[in-house]
């Protein structure tokens, strides 16, 4: 699949396996999501621009590279995406955090936006969308649509697990959006859940039931 990067890093695969385990309790589940988000952000930002600057060491001056001060905005897909924000901010502490609320209709499985708050001007920001489960791709596509409508031009998507159907849907609508995932699973079931997946990420993060 073009413009899709699947991580093979052993640390990412190990933590993903622990997330999948039904025996993993909520506190550990949250920790693994945060750690995975941090590791996935490391991989998803490998092309960030840097500036060369001069600093003083205890012995002499040195030319070093620092991340260019381009505006970055993390956008979690509510609500499960919130579990990824803390890990992402550990690597990108100066990033803004936007919010776009999208909920899935349990009958039609179609997304509906109920909230949107982004930094201005939108066109000046590089956006990283955080969505743990790229299932049908409806919510992710909706979020990309919403950001682009407001002027965004540089968007990438970080997901932990994706279904082939979700990837195809995002790519069909937004082939310019690079997708980073830890795993591409087999398929969606009749309820549009990823198989084998890990269940409902939001419910497992926040100990709720759907």
Protein backbone atom coordinates (compact mmCIF):
# COMPACT_ATOMS: atom_id res chain seq x y z
CA UNK A 1 0.00 0.00 0.00
CA UNK A 2 1.45 3.34 -1.06
CA UNK A 3 2.23 5.91 1.62
CA UNK A 4 1.65 3.39 4.44
CA UNK A 5 4.50 2.66 6.85
CA UNK A 6 4.15 -0.41 9.08
CA UNK A 7 6.55 -0.45 12.02
CA UNK A 8 8.59 -3.60 12.58
CA UNK A 9 10.43 -2.29 15.63
CA UNK A 10 10.66 -5.01 18.31
CA UNK A 11 9.67 -2.65 21.15
CA UNK A 12 6.56 -1.55 19.27
CA UNK A 13 5.57 -5.10 18.43
CA UNK A 14 6.09 -6.27 22.02
CA UNK A 15 3.92 -3.51 23.50
CA UNK A 16 1.28 -4.02 20.85
CA UNK A 17 1.07 -7.69 21.79
CA UNK A 18 0.50 -6.72 25.41
CA UNK A 19 -2.25 -4.31 24.35
CA UNK A 20 -4.05 -7.08 22.48
CA UNK A 21 -4.11 -9.39 25.51
CA UNK A 22 -7.59 -9.41 27.07
CA UNK A 23 -5.94 -9.91 30.47
CA UNK A 24 -4.20 -6.51 30.34
CA UNK A 25 -5.87 -4.27 32.91
CA UNK A 26 -6.84 -0.66 32.25
CA UNK A 27 -3.88 0.92 34.07
CA UNK A 28 -1.37 -1.17 32.11
CA UNK A 29 -3.37 -0.67 28.91
CA UNK A 30 -3.10 3.12 29.29
CA UNK A 31 0.62 2.86 29.91
CA UNK A 32 1.19 0.73 26.82
CA UNK A 33 -0.85 3.11 24.66
CA UNK A 34 1.23 6.05 25.90
CA UNK A 35 4.49 4.18 25.26
CA UNK A 36 3.38 3.07 21.82
CA UNK A 37 2.33 6.60 20.92
CA UNK A 38 5.77 7.87 21.91
CA UNK A 39 7.55 5.22 19.84
CA UNK A 40 5.25 5.67 16.85
CA UNK A 41 5.75 9.45 16.99
CA UNK A 42 9.51 8.89 16.90
CA UNK A 43 9.11 6.97 13.65
CA UNK A 44 6.49 9.28 12.16
CA UNK A 45 8.66 12.38 12.59
CA UNK A 46 11.86 11.09 11.05
CA UNK A 47 11.63 13.72 8.29
CA UNK A 48 11.19 16.78 10.51
CA UNK A 49 13.36 19.66 9.39
CA UNK A 50 16.25 20.73 11.61
CA UNK A 51 18.23 23.95 12.02
CA UNK A 52 21.95 24.06 12.68
CA UNK A 53 22.79 26.29 15.64
CA UNK A 54 25.79 26.99 17.84
CA UNK A 55 25.86 26.09 21.54
CA UNK A 56 28.48 26.36 24.23
CA UNK A 57 29.66 23.10 25.79
CA UNK A 58 31.75 23.02 28.99
CA UNK A 59 34.83 22.88 26.76
CA UNK A 60 34.11 24.74 23.51
CA UNK A 61 31.44 25.77 21.06
CA UNK A 62 29.68 23.15 18.97
CA UNK A 63 27.42 23.16 15.94
CA UNK A 64 24.30 21.11 16.71
CA UNK A 65 21.00 20.33 15.05
CA UNK A 66 17.68 21.28 16.63
CA UNK A 67 14.12 20.73 15.41
CA UNK A 68 13.10 23.66 13.24
CA UNK A 69 10.50 25.79 14.99
CA UNK A 70 7.70 24.86 12.64
CA UNK A 71 4.30 24.74 14.28
CA UNK A 72 3.09 21.19 14.96
CA UNK A 73 -0.40 20.22 16.10
CA UNK A 74 -1.45 16.84 17.47
CA UNK A 75 -5.11 16.03 16.88
CA UNK A 76 -6.48 13.05 18.81
CA UNK A 77 -9.64 11.47 17.41
CA UNK A 78 -11.89 11.57 20.47
CA UNK A 79 -12.11 9.77 22.67
CA UNK A 80 -9.60 6.93 22.31
CA UNK A 81 -7.03 9.17 20.66
CA UNK A 82 -6.66 11.07 23.93
CA UNK A 83 -4.75 8.10 25.30
CA UNK A 84 -1.97 8.75 22.78
CA UNK A 85 -1.47 12.48 23.42
CA UNK A 86 0.71 12.27 26.53
CA UNK A 87 3.24 10.01 24.82
CA UNK A 88 3.36 12.22 21.74
CA UNK A 89 3.89 15.36 23.82
CA UNK A 90 6.86 13.77 25.55
CA UNK A 91 8.70 13.96 22.23
CA UNK A 92 6.98 17.12 20.95
CA UNK A 93 6.52 19.27 24.08
CA UNK A 94 6.04 22.46 22.06
CA UNK A 95 3.24 21.01 19.93
CA UNK A 96 -0.27 22.39 20.07
CA UNK A 97 -3.15 19.98 20.69
CA UNK A 98 -6.30 20.38 18.64
CA UNK A 99 -9.55 18.53 19.23
CA UNK A 100 -12.04 17.17 16.75
CA UNK A 101 -14.82 15.10 18.21
CA UNK A 102 -16.17 12.39 15.95
CA UNK A 103 -18.53 9.65 17.06
CA UNK A 104 -19.58 6.57 15.15
CA UNK A 105 -23.24 5.78 14.68
CA UNK A 106 -23.61 2.19 15.98
CA UNK A 107 -26.13 1.35 13.27
CA UNK A 108 -24.73 3.03 10.16
CA UNK A 109 -21.08 3.04 11.35
CA UNK A 110 -20.78 6.52 9.80
CA UNK A 111 -18.96 9.36 11.63
CA UNK A 112 -20.53 12.54 12.91
CA UNK A 113 -18.52 15.62 14.04
CA UNK A 114 -19.67 17.23 17.27
CA UNK A 115 -16.70 19.45 18.22
CA UNK A 116 -13.71 21.12 16.55
CA UNK A 117 -11.02 23.39 18.03
CA UNK A 118 -7.73 23.96 16.20
CA UNK A 119 -4.89 26.48 16.51
CA UNK A 120 -4.81 29.39 14.08
CA UNK A 121 -3.80 29.92 11.39
CA UNK A 122 -4.37 26.27 10.49
CA UNK A 123 -2.35 26.47 7.26
CA UNK A 124 0.86 27.16 9.25
CA UNK A 125 0.73 23.88 11.16
CA UNK A 126 1.92 20.37 10.44
CA UNK A 127 -0.78 18.02 11.75
CA UNK A 128 -0.37 14.59 13.32
CA UNK A 129 -3.67 12.77 13.78
CA UNK A 130 -3.76 10.21 16.60
CA UNK A 131 -6.29 7.41 16.18
CA UNK A 132 -5.52 4.10 17.93
CA UNK A 133 -7.83 1.99 15.76
CA UNK A 134 -8.15 2.71 12.03
CA UNK A 135 -11.19 0.51 11.44
CA UNK A 136 -13.60 1.64 8.72
CA UNK A 137 -11.50 4.75 8.18
CA UNK A 138 -14.61 6.90 8.43
CA UNK A 139 -13.56 8.90 11.48
CA UNK A 140 -9.99 9.42 10.27
CA UNK A 141 -11.20 10.51 6.83
CA UNK A 142 -13.67 12.89 8.45
CA UNK A 143 -10.96 14.44 10.61
CA UNK A 144 -8.64 14.91 7.63
CA UNK A 145 -11.54 16.49 5.72
CA UNK A 146 -12.23 18.86 8.62
CA UNK A 147 -8.59 19.94 8.92
CA UNK A 148 -8.13 20.40 5.18
CA UNK A 149 -11.32 22.47 4.94
CA UNK A 150 -9.75 24.85 7.43
CA UNK A 151 -6.55 25.18 5.39
CA UNK A 152 -4.16 22.40 6.47
CA UNK A 153 -1.72 21.13 3.87
CA UNK A 154 0.63 18.82 5.79
CA UNK A 155 -1.12 15.93 7.55
CA UNK A 156 -0.02 12.51 8.70
CA UNK A 157 -1.92 9.83 10.58
CA UNK A 158 -0.58 7.65 13.40
CA UNK A 159 -2.62 4.56 14.32
CA UNK A 160 -1.76 1.53 16.40
CA UNK A 161 -3.83 -1.05 14.51
CA UNK A 162 -5.49 -0.71 11.11
CA UNK A 163 -7.86 -2.78 9.02
CA UNK A 164 -7.20 -2.97 5.26
CA UNK A 165 -10.65 -1.43 4.69
CA UNK A 166 -9.76 1.62 6.76
CA UNK A 167 -6.47 2.19 5.01
CA UNK A 168 -8.11 1.93 1.59
CA UNK A 169 -10.77 4.44 2.58
CA UNK A 170 -8.30 7.04 3.84
CA UNK A 171 -6.09 6.58 0.80
CA UNK A 172 -9.00 6.85 -1.61
CA UNK A 173 -9.98 10.23 -0.17
CA UNK A 174 -6.55 11.53 0.86
CA UNK A 175 -3.67 9.84 -0.97
CA UNK A 176 -1.32 12.61 0.21
CA UNK A 177 -1.71 11.65 3.89
CA UNK A 178 1.04 9.36 5.13
CA UNK A 179 -0.19 6.61 7.44
CA UNK A 180 1.98 5.12 10.19
CA UNK A 181 0.71 1.94 11.87
CA UNK A 182 2.07 -0.73 14.19
CA UNK A 183 0.04 -3.48 12.52
CA UNK A 184 -2.42 -4.12 9.70
CA UNK A 185 -4.90 -6.76 10.82
CA UNK A 186 -7.03 -9.19 8.84
CA UNK A 187 -10.42 -7.53 8.40
CA UNK A 188 -13.47 -5.92 9.96
CA UNK A 189 -16.25 -8.01 11.48
CA UNK A 190 -19.98 -7.45 10.98
CA UNK A 191 -19.92 -4.74 13.67
CA UNK A 192 -17.01 -2.91 12.02
CA UNK A 193 -14.51 -3.95 14.70
CA UNK A 194 -10.97 -4.88 13.70
CA UNK A 195 -10.17 -8.62 13.82
CA UNK A 196 -8.15 -9.80 15.69
CA UNK A 197 -7.69 -6.23 16.97
CA UNK A 198 -7.83 -5.52 20.68
CA UNK A 199 -11.49 -4.73 21.27
CA UNK A 200 -12.75 -1.19 21.80
CA UNK A 201 -9.72 0.97 22.63
CA UNK A 202 -11.81 3.67 24.31
CA UNK A 203 -13.62 1.21 26.53
CA UNK A 204 -10.39 -0.47 27.58
CA UNK A 205 -8.69 2.86 28.26
CA UNK A 206 -11.50 4.30 30.36
CA UNK A 207 -13.18 1.16 31.73
CA UNK A 208 -16.50 1.78 30.06
CA UNK A 209 -18.75 -0.41 27.95
CA UNK A 210 -20.25 0.32 24.56
